Every structure is written in structure tokens, then in C-alpha cells.
N, C-alpha and C. Protein backbone atom coordinates (compact mmCIF):
# COMPACT_ATOMS: atom_id res chain seq x y z
N UNK A 1 -21.30 2.80 13.71
CA UNK A 1 -20.01 2.54 13.34
C UNK A 1 -18.61 1.42 12.71
N UNK A 2 -18.85 0.90 11.16
CA UNK A 2 -18.86 -0.43 10.91
C UNK A 2 -16.91 -0.13 11.52
N UNK A 3 -16.23 -0.73 11.88
CA UNK A 3 -14.39 -1.36 12.15
C UNK A 3 -14.11 -2.21 11.81
N UNK A 4 -13.04 -1.51 10.71
CA UNK A 4 -12.75 -2.82 9.56
C UNK A 4 -10.82 -2.83 10.15
N UNK A 5 -10.42 -3.92 9.93
CA UNK A 5 -8.91 -3.72 10.27
C UNK A 5 -8.22 -4.67 9.34
N UNK A 6 -6.79 -4.43 8.62
CA UNK A 6 -6.75 -5.19 7.80
C UNK A 6 -4.67 -4.84 8.10
N UNK A 7 -4.14 -5.12 7.06
CA UNK A 7 -2.89 -5.50 7.11
C UNK A 7 -2.40 -4.91 5.85
N UNK A 8 -1.43 -3.92 6.00
CA UNK A 8 -1.04 -3.43 4.74
C UNK A 8 0.86 -2.87 5.00
N UNK A 9 1.43 -3.70 4.05
CA UNK A 9 2.92 -3.85 4.06
C UNK A 9 3.37 -3.15 3.03
N UNK A 10 4.32 -1.99 3.28
CA UNK A 10 5.45 -1.12 2.36
C UNK A 10 6.52 -2.07 2.13
N UNK A 11 6.82 -2.20 0.65
CA UNK A 11 8.15 -3.34 0.88
C UNK A 11 9.17 -2.21 -0.66
N UNK A 12 9.90 -2.70 -0.92
CA UNK A 12 10.83 -1.54 -2.12
C UNK A 12 12.50 -1.80 -1.90
N UNK A 13 13.02 -1.23 -2.89
CA UNK A 13 14.51 -1.27 -2.21
C UNK A 13 14.82 -0.01 -1.52
N UNK A 14 16.44 -0.38 -1.18
CA UNK A 14 15.98 0.85 -0.05
C UNK A 14 16.32 2.00 -0.50
N UNK A 15 15.77 3.40 0.66
CA UNK A 15 15.59 4.62 -0.21
C UNK A 15 14.65 5.16 -0.82
N UNK A 16 13.63 4.76 -1.63
CA UNK A 16 13.10 4.89 -2.45
C UNK A 16 11.70 5.62 -1.57
N UNK A 17 11.72 5.46 -0.16
CA UNK A 17 10.80 6.63 0.57
C UNK A 17 9.53 5.59 1.02
N UNK A 18 10.04 4.93 1.71
CA UNK A 18 8.75 4.36 2.00
C UNK A 18 8.26 4.40 3.86
N UNK A 19 9.59 4.80 4.44
CA UNK A 19 9.07 5.21 5.41
C UNK A 19 9.01 6.46 5.65
N UNK A 20 9.27 7.42 4.91
CA UNK A 20 9.00 8.69 4.62
C UNK A 20 7.15 9.02 4.15
N UNK A 21 6.74 7.98 3.39
CA UNK A 21 5.61 7.94 2.83
C UNK A 21 4.56 7.61 3.80
N UNK A 22 4.85 6.85 4.94
CA UNK A 22 4.33 6.30 5.87
C UNK A 22 4.27 7.19 6.87
N UNK A 23 5.10 8.09 7.38
CA UNK A 23 5.34 8.64 8.64
C UNK A 23 4.39 10.01 7.92
N UNK A 24 4.80 10.51 6.79
CA UNK A 24 3.90 12.10 6.32
C UNK A 24 2.73 11.48 6.47
N UNK A 25 2.00 10.88 6.19
CA UNK A 25 0.60 10.22 6.23
C UNK A 25 0.10 9.91 8.04
N UNK A 26 0.57 9.37 8.59
CA UNK A 26 0.77 9.05 10.27
C UNK A 26 0.44 10.22 10.95
N UNK A 27 2.00 11.24 11.02
CA UNK A 27 2.15 12.02 11.49
C UNK A 27 2.48 13.27 11.21
N UNK A 28 2.21 13.23 9.84
CA UNK A 28 2.11 14.66 9.16
C UNK A 28 3.38 15.08 8.90
N UNK A 29 4.41 14.33 8.98
CA UNK A 29 6.14 14.92 9.09
C UNK A 29 6.84 14.99 8.13
N UNK A 30 7.97 15.65 7.63
CA UNK A 30 7.98 15.60 6.70
C UNK A 30 10.23 15.24 7.37
N UNK A 31 10.64 14.24 6.85
CA UNK A 31 12.53 14.91 7.07
C UNK A 31 13.32 14.19 5.83
N UNK A 32 13.64 15.32 5.37
CA UNK A 32 14.64 15.31 4.12
C UNK A 32 15.60 13.98 4.27
N UNK A 33 16.15 13.52 5.47
CA UNK A 33 16.95 12.08 5.56
C UNK A 33 16.41 11.52 6.59
N UNK A 34 16.00 9.88 6.76
CA UNK A 34 15.72 9.36 7.43
C UNK A 34 16.78 7.83 7.61
N UNK A 35 16.52 7.47 8.97
CA UNK A 35 17.63 6.39 8.95
C UNK A 35 16.84 5.16 7.94
N UNK A 36 18.15 4.19 7.57
CA UNK A 36 17.45 3.00 7.03
C UNK A 36 16.73 2.16 7.69
N UNK A 37 15.51 1.76 7.50
CA UNK A 37 14.97 0.50 8.22
C UNK A 37 15.74 -0.40 8.48
N UNK A 38 15.77 -0.74 10.07
CA UNK A 38 16.53 -1.93 10.26
C UNK A 38 15.34 -3.54 10.20
N UNK A 39 15.68 -4.26 9.39
CA UNK A 39 14.10 -5.52 9.35
C UNK A 39 12.82 -4.90 8.87
N UNK A 40 12.64 -4.33 10.23
CA UNK A 40 10.96 -4.23 9.67
C UNK A 40 10.78 -2.95 10.98
N UNK A 41 9.84 -1.92 10.89
CA UNK A 41 8.90 -1.39 11.60
C UNK A 41 7.62 -1.63 11.41
N UNK A 42 6.51 -0.92 12.53
CA UNK A 42 4.91 -1.19 12.43
C UNK A 42 5.01 0.06 13.26
N UNK A 43 3.68 0.32 12.63
CA UNK A 43 2.47 1.72 13.23
C UNK A 43 1.45 1.65 12.55
N UNK A 44 0.39 2.03 13.28
CA UNK A 44 -1.19 1.99 13.04
C UNK A 44 -1.46 3.36 12.23
N UNK A 45 -2.35 3.01 11.12
CA UNK A 45 -2.46 3.99 10.32
C UNK A 45 -4.18 4.32 10.26
N UNK A 46 -5.13 5.30 10.54
CA UNK A 46 -6.38 5.44 10.47
C UNK A 46 -7.15 5.82 9.03
N UNK A 47 -7.61 5.60 8.58
CA UNK A 47 -8.98 5.86 7.66
C UNK A 47 -10.40 5.77 7.88
N UNK A 48 -11.02 6.86 7.64
CA UNK A 48 -12.33 6.88 8.39
C UNK A 48 -12.92 7.09 6.70
N UNK A 49 -14.27 6.77 6.20
CA UNK A 49 -14.38 6.88 5.19
C UNK A 49 -15.86 5.76 5.61
N UNK A 50 -17.20 6.96 4.85
CA UNK A 50 -18.14 7.27 5.79
C UNK A 50 -18.92 6.66 6.52
N UNK A 51 -19.34 5.53 6.57
CA UNK A 51 -19.27 4.99 7.82
C UNK A 51 -18.75 3.87 8.50
N UNK A 52 -17.60 3.58 7.77
CA UNK A 52 -16.14 2.64 8.50
C UNK A 52 -15.01 3.48 9.33
N UNK A 53 -14.85 2.89 10.01
CA UNK A 53 -13.32 3.30 10.68
C UNK A 53 -12.78 2.31 10.32
N UNK A 54 -11.78 2.64 9.48
CA UNK A 54 -10.51 1.46 9.31
C UNK A 54 -8.54 1.85 10.00
N UNK A 55 -8.53 0.69 10.51
CA UNK A 55 -7.01 0.60 10.87
C UNK A 55 -6.22 -0.06 9.66
N UNK A 56 -5.30 0.42 9.50
CA UNK A 56 -4.42 -0.80 8.95
C UNK A 56 -2.85 -0.35 9.89
N UNK A 57 -3.12 -2.03 9.67
CA UNK A 57 -1.48 -2.21 10.77
C UNK A 57 -0.38 -2.61 9.42
N UNK A 58 0.60 -0.92 9.57
CA UNK A 58 1.20 -1.03 8.80
C UNK A 58 2.84 -1.44 8.59
N UNK A 59 2.97 -2.29 8.38
CA UNK A 59 4.27 -2.68 8.47
C UNK A 59 5.69 -2.25 6.96
N UNK A 60 6.74 -1.37 7.66
CA UNK A 60 7.44 -0.39 7.00
C UNK A 60 8.79 -1.89 6.62
N UNK A 61 9.03 -2.39 5.88
CA UNK A 61 10.15 -3.94 5.68
C UNK A 61 11.51 -2.74 5.05
N UNK A 62 12.57 -3.26 5.65
CA UNK A 62 13.95 -2.66 5.31
C UNK A 62 14.10 -2.93 3.59
N UNK A 63 14.96 -2.42 2.94
CA UNK A 63 15.10 -2.45 1.64
C UNK A 63 16.45 -2.88 1.12
N UNK A 64 17.13 -2.69 2.11
CA UNK A 64 18.99 -3.62 1.93
C UNK A 64 18.62 -5.21 1.50
N UNK A 65 19.38 -5.65 0.71
CA UNK A 65 19.66 -6.74 0.63
C UNK A 65 20.08 -7.78 1.87
N UNK A 66 20.84 -7.04 2.71
CA UNK A 66 21.04 -8.04 3.79
C UNK A 66 19.79 -8.48 4.52
N UNK A 67 18.66 -7.88 4.57
CA UNK A 67 17.69 -7.75 5.45
C UNK A 67 16.34 -8.91 4.66
N UNK A 68 16.64 -9.06 3.40
CA UNK A 68 15.85 -9.18 2.24
C UNK A 68 15.22 -10.87 3.04
N UNK A 69 16.04 -11.99 3.60
CA UNK A 69 15.29 -13.09 3.41
C UNK A 69 14.61 -12.92 5.26
N UNK A 70 14.60 -11.97 5.61
CA UNK A 70 13.62 -11.69 7.35
C UNK A 70 12.29 -11.17 6.67
N UNK A 71 12.23 -10.93 5.22
CA UNK A 71 11.03 -9.76 4.67
C UNK A 71 9.83 -10.86 4.73
N UNK A 72 9.60 -12.04 4.34
CA UNK A 72 8.59 -12.75 3.93
C UNK A 72 7.86 -13.03 5.48
N UNK A 73 8.54 -13.16 6.35
CA UNK A 73 7.68 -12.97 8.01
C UNK A 73 6.93 -11.99 8.41
N UNK A 74 7.21 -11.01 7.63
CA UNK A 74 6.17 -9.58 7.97
C UNK A 74 5.20 -9.25 6.70
N UNK A 75 5.34 -9.77 5.28
CA UNK A 75 4.03 -9.82 4.61
C UNK A 75 3.51 -10.69 4.93
N UNK A 76 3.70 -11.89 5.51
CA UNK A 76 2.59 -13.14 5.70
C UNK A 76 1.03 -12.52 6.16
N UNK A 77 0.20 -13.11 5.72
CA UNK A 77 -0.86 -12.81 6.05
C UNK A 77 -1.53 -11.32 5.68
N UNK A 78 -0.80 -10.63 4.75
CA UNK A 78 -1.29 -9.09 4.04
C UNK A 78 -2.60 -9.26 3.32
N UNK A 79 -3.25 -7.99 3.84
CA UNK A 79 -4.34 -8.16 3.39
C UNK A 79 -3.69 -7.32 1.93
N UNK A 80 -2.96 -6.24 1.69
CA UNK A 80 -2.43 -5.40 0.74
C UNK A 80 -1.40 -5.03 0.74
N UNK A 81 -0.21 -5.06 -0.12
CA UNK A 81 1.35 -4.69 -0.65
C UNK A 81 1.73 -3.39 -1.40
N UNK A 82 1.90 -2.71 -1.23
CA UNK A 82 2.46 -1.16 -1.81
C UNK A 82 4.16 -1.62 -1.59
N UNK A 83 4.23 -1.30 -3.01
CA UNK A 83 5.52 -1.87 -3.50
C UNK A 83 6.07 -0.04 -4.21
N UNK A 84 7.06 0.30 -3.39
CA UNK A 84 7.44 1.65 -3.71
C UNK A 84 8.96 1.61 -4.61
N UNK A 85 8.53 2.19 -5.34
CA UNK A 85 10.09 2.66 -6.11
C UNK A 85 10.43 4.16 -6.34
N UNK A 86 11.27 4.66 -6.63
CA UNK A 86 12.04 5.79 -6.72
C UNK A 86 11.90 6.47 -8.03
N UNK A 87 10.97 7.28 -8.81
CA UNK A 87 10.41 7.74 -10.27
C UNK A 87 12.45 8.43 -10.58
N UNK A 88 13.25 8.16 -10.69
CA UNK A 88 14.03 8.77 -10.98
C UNK A 88 15.71 7.93 -10.40
N UNK A 89 14.89 6.65 -10.52
CA UNK A 89 15.99 5.73 -10.20
C UNK A 89 15.26 4.51 -10.75
N UNK A 90 15.85 4.41 -11.85
CA UNK A 90 15.31 3.06 -12.86
C UNK A 90 15.59 1.92 -12.18
N UNK A 91 16.64 1.33 -11.85
CA UNK A 91 16.94 0.06 -10.95
C UNK A 91 15.78 -0.28 -10.04
N UNK A 92 15.34 1.13 -8.80
CA UNK A 92 14.28 0.42 -8.13
C UNK A 92 13.10 0.09 -8.31
N UNK A 93 13.08 0.72 -9.92
CA UNK A 93 11.90 0.33 -10.72
C UNK A 93 11.54 -0.91 -10.92
N UNK A 94 12.88 -1.44 -11.53
CA UNK A 94 13.15 -2.58 -12.17
C UNK A 94 13.36 -3.55 -10.83
N UNK A 95 13.22 -3.02 -9.99
CA UNK A 95 13.33 -4.70 -8.84
C UNK A 95 11.70 -4.66 -8.08
N UNK A 96 10.44 -3.89 -8.63
CA UNK A 96 9.34 -4.07 -8.26
C UNK A 96 8.31 -5.65 -8.79
N UNK A 97 8.60 -5.44 -9.45
CA UNK A 97 8.59 -7.29 -9.85
C UNK A 97 8.78 -8.18 -9.09
N UNK A 98 9.61 -7.93 -9.06
CA UNK A 98 10.70 -9.62 -7.83
C UNK A 98 10.03 -9.53 -6.62
N UNK A 99 9.95 -8.43 -6.04
CA UNK A 99 8.94 -8.09 -4.91
C UNK A 99 7.44 -8.36 -5.24
N UNK A 100 7.04 -8.06 -6.29
CA UNK A 100 5.13 -8.62 -6.46
C UNK A 100 5.25 -10.45 -6.65
N UNK A 101 6.60 -10.60 -7.09
CA UNK A 101 6.95 -11.97 -7.34
C UNK A 101 6.79 -13.00 -6.10
N UNK A 102 7.96 -12.28 -5.36
CA UNK A 102 8.09 -12.99 -3.89
C UNK A 102 6.43 -13.08 -2.76
N UNK A 103 6.02 -12.28 -3.66
CA UNK A 103 4.71 -12.13 -2.36
C UNK A 103 3.65 -13.52 -2.72
N UNK A 104 3.54 -12.90 -4.17
CA UNK A 104 2.49 -14.04 -4.40
C UNK A 104 3.17 -15.51 -4.43
N UNK A 105 4.28 -15.85 -4.59
CA UNK A 105 5.27 -17.26 -4.20
C UNK A 105 4.88 -17.12 -2.79
N UNK A 106 4.84 -16.99 -2.00
CA UNK A 106 4.71 -17.27 -0.49
C UNK A 106 4.12 -16.42 0.41
N UNK A 107 2.56 -16.25 -0.10
CA UNK A 107 1.22 -16.24 0.54
C UNK A 107 0.30 -16.87 0.18
N UNK A 108 -0.82 -17.52 0.50
CA UNK A 108 -1.67 -18.62 0.20
C UNK A 108 -2.92 -17.83 0.25
N UNK A 109 -3.18 -16.55 0.63
CA UNK A 109 -4.17 -15.52 0.56
C UNK A 109 -4.74 -14.60 -0.69
N UNK A 110 -5.61 -13.86 -0.72
CA UNK A 110 -5.65 -12.96 -1.90
C UNK A 110 -4.75 -11.43 -1.51
N UNK A 111 -4.27 -10.95 -2.13
CA UNK A 111 -3.65 -9.19 -1.64
C UNK A 111 -4.19 -8.35 -2.35
N UNK A 112 -3.93 -7.41 -1.91
CA UNK A 112 -4.40 -6.50 -3.15
C UNK A 112 -2.80 -5.47 -3.30
N UNK A 113 -2.19 -5.14 -4.55
CA UNK A 113 -1.35 -4.88 -5.06
C UNK A 113 -1.21 -3.33 -5.56
N UNK A 114 -0.36 -2.60 -4.89
CA UNK A 114 0.14 -1.46 -5.20
C UNK A 114 1.86 -1.34 -5.67
N UNK A 115 1.82 -0.42 -7.35
CA UNK A 115 2.63 -0.04 -7.32
C UNK A 115 2.85 1.71 -6.96
N UNK A 116 3.89 1.96 -6.40
CA UNK A 116 3.96 3.18 -6.15
C UNK A 116 4.82 3.44 -6.57
N UNK A 117 5.12 5.09 -7.52
CA UNK A 117 5.94 6.23 -7.85
C UNK A 117 6.25 6.86 -6.63
N UNK A 118 7.03 7.21 -6.26
CA UNK A 118 7.33 8.24 -5.14
C UNK A 118 8.60 8.96 -5.37
N UNK A 119 8.34 9.64 -5.03
CA UNK A 119 9.43 11.15 -5.44
C UNK A 119 9.56 11.76 -6.54
N UNK A 120 7.99 11.84 -7.00
CA UNK A 120 7.35 12.40 -8.42
C UNK A 120 7.83 14.21 -8.47
N UNK A 121 8.60 14.77 -7.07
CA UNK A 121 8.93 16.16 -7.34
C UNK A 121 9.84 16.77 -7.83
N UNK A 122 10.88 14.99 -8.24
CA UNK A 122 12.34 15.29 -8.46
C UNK A 122 12.45 15.36 -10.37
N UNK A 123 11.51 16.49 -10.79
CA UNK A 123 10.97 16.71 -12.52
C UNK A 123 12.31 16.10 -13.33
N UNK A 124 13.28 17.17 -12.55
CA UNK A 124 14.51 17.16 -13.74
C UNK A 124 15.05 15.54 -13.57
N UNK A 125 15.02 15.31 -12.70
CA UNK A 125 16.07 13.37 -12.33
C UNK A 125 14.81 12.24 -13.08
N UNK A 126 13.94 12.92 -13.11
CA UNK A 126 12.48 11.83 -13.05
C UNK A 126 13.09 10.60 -14.62
N UNK A 127 13.35 9.93 -14.49
CA UNK A 127 13.51 8.33 -15.42
C UNK A 127 12.42 7.52 -15.94
N UNK A 128 11.48 7.28 -14.95
CA UNK A 128 10.06 6.74 -15.14
C UNK A 128 9.18 7.71 -15.18
N UNK A 129 8.28 7.53 -16.96
CA UNK A 129 7.14 8.41 -16.58
C UNK A 129 6.01 7.21 -16.47
N UNK A 130 5.10 8.10 -16.08
CA UNK A 130 3.77 7.84 -15.78
C UNK A 130 3.13 6.36 -16.87
N UNK A 131 3.18 6.74 -17.80
CA UNK A 131 2.79 5.94 -18.98
C UNK A 131 3.06 4.57 -18.59
N UNK A 132 5.04 4.63 -18.60
CA UNK A 132 5.13 3.18 -18.46
C UNK A 132 5.01 2.49 -16.96
N UNK A 133 5.03 3.27 -15.88
CA UNK A 133 4.96 2.91 -14.79
C UNK A 133 3.77 1.73 -14.54
N UNK A 134 2.38 3.02 -14.97
CA UNK A 134 0.77 2.99 -15.03
C UNK A 134 1.09 1.25 -16.22
N UNK A 135 1.91 0.99 -17.28
CA UNK A 135 1.40 0.25 -17.98
C UNK A 135 2.06 -1.22 -17.04
N UNK A 136 3.46 -1.11 -16.48
CA UNK A 136 3.80 -1.76 -15.81
C UNK A 136 3.15 -2.61 -14.62
N UNK A 137 2.01 -1.82 -13.93
CA UNK A 137 1.03 -2.05 -12.95
C UNK A 137 0.33 -2.57 -13.80
N UNK A 138 -0.29 -2.37 -14.59
CA UNK A 138 -1.42 -3.15 -15.39
C UNK A 138 -0.98 -4.94 -15.38
N UNK A 139 0.23 -4.90 -15.88
CA UNK A 139 0.92 -5.99 -16.49
C UNK A 139 0.96 -6.74 -14.76
N UNK A 140 0.78 -6.35 -13.71
CA UNK A 140 1.32 -7.32 -13.05
C UNK A 140 0.09 -7.23 -12.17
N UNK A 141 -1.29 -6.46 -12.99
CA UNK A 141 -2.53 -7.22 -11.97
C UNK A 141 -2.56 -5.92 -10.76
N UNK A 142 -1.52 -5.05 -10.88
CA UNK A 142 -1.77 -3.91 -9.79
C UNK A 142 -2.04 -2.52 -10.12
N UNK A 143 -2.65 -1.48 -8.98
CA UNK A 143 -2.91 -0.30 -9.02
C UNK A 143 -1.97 0.22 -9.15
N UNK A 144 -1.21 1.07 -10.01
CA UNK A 144 -0.62 2.32 -9.94
C UNK A 144 -0.64 3.69 -9.14
N UNK A 145 0.01 3.72 -8.70
CA UNK A 145 -0.03 5.20 -8.01
C UNK A 145 1.66 5.98 -7.19
N UNK A 146 1.05 7.47 -8.04
CA UNK A 146 2.25 7.91 -7.81
C UNK A 146 1.73 9.44 -6.51
N UNK A 147 3.31 9.33 -5.72
CA UNK A 147 3.30 10.48 -4.39
C UNK A 147 4.20 11.32 -4.50
N UNK A 148 4.38 12.02 -4.08
CA UNK A 148 5.90 12.96 -3.67
C UNK A 148 5.58 13.27 -1.73
N UNK A 149 6.71 13.00 -1.08
CA UNK A 149 6.44 13.14 0.51
C UNK A 149 6.62 15.22 0.09
N UNK A 150 8.01 15.33 -0.32
CA UNK A 150 8.41 16.60 0.14
C UNK A 150 6.99 17.54 -0.74
N UNK A 151 6.21 17.42 -1.14
CA UNK A 151 4.81 17.92 -1.74
C UNK A 151 4.17 17.46 -1.07
N UNK A 152 4.04 16.32 -0.30
CA UNK A 152 2.75 16.05 -0.11
C UNK A 152 1.40 15.97 -0.89
N UNK A 153 1.83 15.16 -1.81
CA UNK A 153 1.05 14.65 -3.11
C UNK A 153 0.66 13.47 -3.16
N UNK A 154 -0.71 12.81 -3.35
CA UNK A 154 -0.56 11.93 -3.31
C UNK A 154 -0.66 11.14 -2.29
N UNK A 155 -0.36 11.25 -1.07
CA UNK A 155 -0.06 10.32 -0.11
C UNK A 155 -1.37 10.57 0.55
N UNK A 156 -2.71 10.87 0.97
CA UNK A 156 -3.52 10.81 1.43
C UNK A 156 -4.57 9.90 0.37
N UNK A 157 -4.57 10.37 -0.33
CA UNK A 157 -5.18 9.87 -1.30
C UNK A 157 -5.03 8.32 -1.54
N UNK A 158 -3.54 7.87 -1.73
CA UNK A 158 -2.80 6.61 -1.66
C UNK A 158 -3.57 5.57 -0.64
N UNK A 159 -3.81 6.09 0.77
CA UNK A 159 -4.21 5.23 1.70
C UNK A 159 -5.77 4.99 1.54
N UNK A 160 -6.73 6.78 1.02
CA UNK A 160 -7.83 6.36 0.67
C UNK A 160 -8.03 5.38 0.02
N UNK A 161 -7.30 5.30 -1.10
CA UNK A 161 -7.99 4.33 -2.17
C UNK A 161 -7.98 2.91 -1.55
N UNK A 162 -6.87 3.05 -0.47
CA UNK A 162 -6.68 1.45 -0.27
C UNK A 162 -7.60 1.15 0.57
N UNK A 163 -8.48 2.22 1.32
CA UNK A 163 -9.79 2.32 2.18
C UNK A 163 -10.65 1.92 1.62
N UNK A 164 -10.96 2.11 0.19
CA UNK A 164 -11.84 2.21 -0.21
C UNK A 164 -12.01 0.92 -0.94
N UNK A 165 -10.83 0.16 -0.88
CA UNK A 165 -10.84 -1.00 -2.05
C UNK A 165 -11.12 -1.98 -0.93
N UNK A 166 -10.69 -2.09 -0.15
CA UNK A 166 -10.54 -2.98 1.39
C UNK A 166 -12.90 -2.75 1.69
N UNK A 167 -13.32 -1.69 2.06
CA UNK A 167 -14.42 -1.76 1.97
C UNK A 167 -15.22 -2.42 0.98
N UNK A 168 -15.13 -1.91 -0.25
CA UNK A 168 -15.51 -2.50 -1.83
C UNK A 168 -15.55 -4.40 -1.45
N UNK A 169 -14.53 -4.41 -1.24
CA UNK A 169 -14.04 -6.36 -1.00
C UNK A 169 -14.95 -6.94 -0.10
N UNK A 170 -15.05 -5.73 1.11
CA UNK A 170 -15.79 -6.60 2.39
C UNK A 170 -17.32 -6.51 2.16
N UNK A 171 -17.51 -5.55 1.08
CA UNK A 171 -19.08 -5.33 0.89
C UNK A 171 -19.72 -6.67 0.07
N UNK A 172 -18.84 -6.82 -0.77
CA UNK A 172 -19.31 -8.20 -2.33
C UNK A 172 -18.84 -9.08 -1.46
N UNK A 173 -18.27 -9.16 -0.60
CA UNK A 173 -17.55 -10.77 -0.05
C UNK A 173 -16.88 -11.20 -1.17
N UNK A 174 -16.34 -10.28 -1.47
CA UNK A 174 -15.41 -10.84 -3.26
C UNK A 174 -14.29 -11.70 -2.91
N UNK A 175 -13.90 -11.46 -1.79
CA UNK A 175 -12.75 -12.62 -1.53
C UNK A 175 -12.02 -12.72 0.26
N UNK A 176 -12.25 -14.04 0.52
CA UNK A 176 -11.66 -14.51 2.01
C UNK A 176 -10.51 -13.99 2.43
N UNK A 177 -10.35 -12.79 2.33
CA UNK A 177 -9.11 -12.21 2.84
C UNK A 177 -9.25 -12.06 4.26
N UNK A 178 -8.18 -11.71 5.05
CA UNK A 178 -7.52 -11.49 6.17
C UNK A 178 -8.44 -10.68 7.14
N UNK A 179 -9.16 -9.55 6.41
CA UNK A 179 -9.97 -8.76 7.01
C UNK A 179 -10.51 -8.93 8.23
N UNK A 180 -10.26 -8.26 8.95
CA UNK A 180 -11.92 -8.05 10.54
C UNK A 180 -12.73 -7.11 10.45
N UNK A 181 -14.05 -7.36 10.13
CA UNK A 181 -14.84 -6.22 10.35
C UNK A 181 -15.77 -6.44 11.71
N UNK A 182 -15.91 -5.12 12.36
CA UNK A 182 -16.94 -4.91 13.43
C UNK A 182 -17.97 -4.68 13.20
N UNK A 183 -18.84 -4.55 13.58
CA UNK A 183 -20.23 -3.76 13.35
C UNK A 183 -21.39 -3.51 14.32
N UNK A 184 -21.05 -2.53 15.31
CA UNK A 184 -22.03 -1.97 16.25
C UNK A 184 -23.14 -2.42 16.21
N UNK A 185 -23.99 -2.84 16.87
CA UNK A 185 -25.28 -3.51 17.49
C UNK A 185 -26.56 -2.79 16.58
N UNK A 186 -25.93 -1.58 17.05
CA UNK A 186 -27.15 -0.63 16.33
C UNK A 186 -27.34 -0.29 14.88
N UNK A 187 -26.14 -1.03 14.26
CA UNK A 187 -25.73 -0.65 13.40
C UNK A 187 -26.70 -1.51 11.78
N UNK A 188 -26.77 -1.48 10.90
CA UNK A 188 -28.12 -1.93 9.52
C UNK A 188 -27.12 -1.87 8.71
N UNK A 189 -26.21 -3.10 8.52
CA UNK A 189 -25.27 -3.43 7.40
C UNK A 189 -25.62 -3.13 6.00
N UNK A 190 -26.88 -3.49 5.92
CA UNK A 190 -27.37 -4.01 4.73
C UNK A 190 -28.32 -2.78 3.82
N UNK A 191 -27.89 -1.56 4.52
CA UNK A 191 -28.29 -0.28 4.07
C UNK A 191 -27.30 0.55 3.60
N UNK A 192 -26.40 -0.19 3.62
CA UNK A 192 -25.49 0.64 3.13
C UNK A 192 -24.57 0.03 1.98
N UNK A 193 -24.18 1.15 0.98
CA UNK A 193 -23.32 -0.11 -0.20
C UNK A 193 -22.46 1.51 -0.71
N UNK A 194 -21.61 1.37 -1.49
CA UNK A 194 -20.09 2.07 -1.82
C UNK A 194 -20.51 2.71 -3.02
N UNK A 195 -21.01 3.94 -3.00
CA UNK A 195 -21.19 4.97 -4.03
C UNK A 195 -20.33 5.40 -4.80
N UNK A 196 -20.28 5.51 -5.63
CA UNK A 196 -19.53 6.29 -6.28
C UNK A 196 -17.67 6.13 -6.59
N UNK A 197 -17.89 4.31 -6.26
CA UNK A 197 -16.44 3.63 -5.79
C UNK A 197 -16.17 2.90 -6.74
N UNK A 198 -15.37 2.58 -6.76
CA UNK A 198 -15.28 1.29 -8.02
C UNK A 198 -13.43 0.86 -7.75
N UNK A 199 -13.44 -0.59 -7.29
CA UNK A 199 -12.52 -1.28 -6.98
C UNK A 199 -11.40 -1.37 -7.80
N UNK A 200 -10.21 -0.29 -7.61
CA UNK A 200 -9.24 -0.23 -9.04
C UNK A 200 -8.13 -0.87 -8.82
N UNK A 201 -7.99 -1.89 -7.84
CA UNK A 201 -6.50 -3.23 -8.15
C UNK A 201 -7.70 -4.48 -7.85
N UNK A 202 -6.71 -5.52 -8.52
CA UNK A 202 -7.12 -6.65 -8.72
C UNK A 202 -6.64 -7.34 -7.38
N UNK A 203 -7.58 -8.58 -7.16
CA UNK A 203 -7.18 -9.36 -6.00
C UNK A 203 -6.74 -10.82 -6.71
N UNK A 204 -5.39 -10.76 -5.77
CA UNK A 204 -5.02 -12.26 -6.24
C UNK A 204 -3.91 -13.00 -6.10
N UNK A 205 -3.40 -14.06 -5.74
CA UNK A 205 -2.39 -14.39 -5.37
C UNK A 205 -1.08 -14.69 -6.04
């Protein structure tokens, strides 16, 4: 079994559901109301794909403006960044680009970017349609994903896709990222290639 560890940071405006997405994946819990994150919180998430056991060191950063100055210390040396917005809140969507630009400005290593539209269960109040969000994500060289913590849709697939892209990077030696890979002695690594998998997010600085 190959063991891969990576740093994943969730960012976005207050109340978009960053903490809920992480908790839903790791603990399987759904809480209708969550306390606002102060500064940042940290959890481990596991993803198992083929012969890889991936440990994601997940940082959940605060969205409040008063904590904005603290965020750079948490996304430093990150391998993947997920910027979350609420599909029923245009202002949270408008803020996504500034979050991504901030990371690019303050990091020196390649990062995989995800734009995540959350709360897709709010059909009647949705203001950001899939096509608009996907077009925006493409324009900033990011992968677009949609989730609903309430209905538990898209979350498992989001973390799986992140894992797939990290594996693809490691196996193709495409980027000098901060990924840590350990291979068991009996493992013959060059016999393994990803099948039916394509890196869907661009790596950029």
C-alpha cells in the first residue's frame, strides 16, 4: 500500500458551509447550525483509492473579515485549496476570485484549485447556476464542484476527486508539490498506473 499525505485548505466567506462539508465527509454528521470557525480548525481526512491510502491534512479557515489576516499562515505550503461559496448567495460567489488571487500571491509552490458551490439543495433560492460557476472556475484555472451537506451529495466525490488528482500528479511527476509519498517495501510502484482517471484541475501558482 502506498501512503500519500497532502495539505488541503478550505476557504471562503462566512456561512457558506466549509465546516459542514468537512464534518459531513469525516464524521458523516449533519448539523443544521454550526458555530463560526475562529481562526482555523484542523482535521484529518482519509481517502483510499486503488493501492493508495491518502491522508489529507484538512484546514478549515474562518470566513469572517476580522480573521482574514490570519488565513495566509494556514494555506502556506498547501497542495490543494477548495474555495467554497453558497449557490444562493451571490456575494459569496463574487468573493471566490479574491480568495484564489490571495493564495496565488502568497504561495511559491504549485497548488490545485477547486471552486465548490455548496447548498445546491436550496433550489428555490439559487442565484448562481452551474454553467456560470463552471465558466468562472475555468477562467481561473480551477476545477468546479457542487455539493449539498443537507442531502449529502457531491461531498464523497469531491474528496475522491481531490485524491485522484493528487495521485495523478505523484505518478506523472508533473509537479514539485509538497506531497509526501511512502511506499511499502514489497510494493512495485512502476506496475501501477491510473486507469480511467484524468487530472481535472490545473496546477498553478
